[in-house]
Amino acid sequence: MASSAFSELQHELEHQVHARTGRRVRNLAIELCSERVVLHGSATTFYVKQLAQHGIREMLPHVRLENAIKVEKVAI
């Protein structure tokens, strides 16, 4: 995949995840590899983590996806 197409896809995936989760994934990073996509970041609930995963699945339904988003409680 060309570098510009790779960068554009990564940007579109980030936008999709932010839109799907209401920007509730902190420090979102999407790692694109030739054989898989890896989601990184942190969220306060498993529901938000799952929403992020579904955002990727909407755009890339057949890609191998690893969801490494950490679920962490926010200190009040």
Protein backbone atom coordinates (compact mmCIF):
# COMPACT_ATOMS: atom_id res chain seq x y z
CA MET A 1 0.00 0.00 0.00
CA ALA A 2 1.38 3.43 -0.90
CA SER A 3 2.43 5.63 1.99
CA SER A 4 -0.20 8.32 1.26
CA ALA A 5 -2.98 5.74 0.91
CA PHE A 6 -1.77 4.10 4.14
CA SER A 7 -1.83 7.44 5.96
CA GLU A 8 -5.25 8.32 4.54
CA LEU A 9 -6.72 4.97 5.62
CA GLN A 10 -5.29 5.42 9.12
CA HIS A 11 -6.83 8.91 9.33
CA GLU A 12 -10.22 7.62 8.13
CA LEU A 13 -10.14 4.78 10.68
CA GLU A 14 -9.29 7.21 13.49
CA HIS A 15 -12.14 9.49 12.41
CA GLN A 16 -14.53 6.51 12.34
CA VAL A 17 -13.54 5.38 15.84
CA HIS A 18 -13.83 8.92 17.23
CA ALA A 19 -17.25 9.34 15.62
CA ARG A 20 -18.45 5.95 16.83
CA THR A 21 -17.23 6.43 20.41
CA GLY A 22 -17.93 10.15 20.85
CA ARG A 23 -14.15 10.63 21.25
CA ARG A 24 -14.22 8.59 24.47
CA VAL A 25 -11.06 6.64 23.62
CA ARG A 26 -8.11 8.54 25.04
CA ASN A 27 -4.72 8.43 23.30
CA LEU A 28 -6.16 6.53 20.34
CA ALA A 29 -3.54 5.01 18.08
CA ILE A 30 -4.29 2.69 15.20
CA GLU A 31 -1.47 0.45 14.07
CA LEU A 32 -1.81 -0.78 10.49
CA CYS A 33 0.16 -3.87 9.57
CA SER A 34 -0.02 -5.92 6.41
CA GLU A 35 -1.88 -8.74 8.18
CA ARG A 36 -3.84 -6.94 10.91
CA VAL A 37 -5.05 -3.73 12.56
CA VAL A 38 -4.27 -3.04 16.22
CA LEU A 39 -6.20 -0.52 18.33
CA HIS A 40 -4.38 1.19 21.20
CA GLY A 41 -5.60 3.70 23.77
CA SER A 42 -7.68 3.73 26.91
CA ALA A 43 -11.38 3.90 27.72
CA THR A 44 -13.42 3.96 30.90
CA THR A 45 -15.80 1.14 29.91
CA PHE A 46 -15.76 -2.10 27.94
CA TYR A 47 -18.71 -0.72 25.99
CA VAL A 48 -16.57 2.11 24.57
CA LYS A 49 -13.83 -0.39 23.78
CA GLN A 50 -16.38 -2.48 21.86
CA LEU A 51 -17.73 0.59 20.03
CA ALA A 52 -14.22 1.35 18.80
CA GLN A 53 -13.87 -2.19 17.51
CA HIS A 54 -17.20 -1.99 15.68
CA GLY A 55 -16.09 1.28 14.08
CA ILE A 56 -13.14 -0.51 12.50
CA ARG A 57 -15.30 -3.50 11.51
CA GLU A 58 -17.68 -1.20 9.61
CA MET A 59 -14.84 -0.08 7.36
CA LEU A 60 -12.72 -3.25 7.27
CA PRO A 61 -15.06 -6.19 7.93
CA HIS A 62 -12.60 -8.94 6.95
CA VAL A 63 -9.35 -7.70 8.46
CA ARG A 64 -7.77 -9.39 11.47
CA LEU A 65 -8.35 -6.97 14.34
CA GLU A 66 -6.63 -6.83 17.72
CA ASN A 67 -8.26 -4.55 20.27
CA ALA A 68 -5.55 -3.55 22.77
CA ILE A 69 -7.54 -0.63 24.20
CA LYS A 70 -7.16 -0.69 28.00
CA VAL A 71 -10.22 -0.21 30.18
CA GLU A 72 -9.28 1.99 33.12
CA LYS A 73 -11.31 3.67 35.82
CA VAL A 74 -10.96 7.42 35.97
CA ALA A 75 -9.74 8.75 39.32
CA ILE A 76 -12.10 11.35 40.74
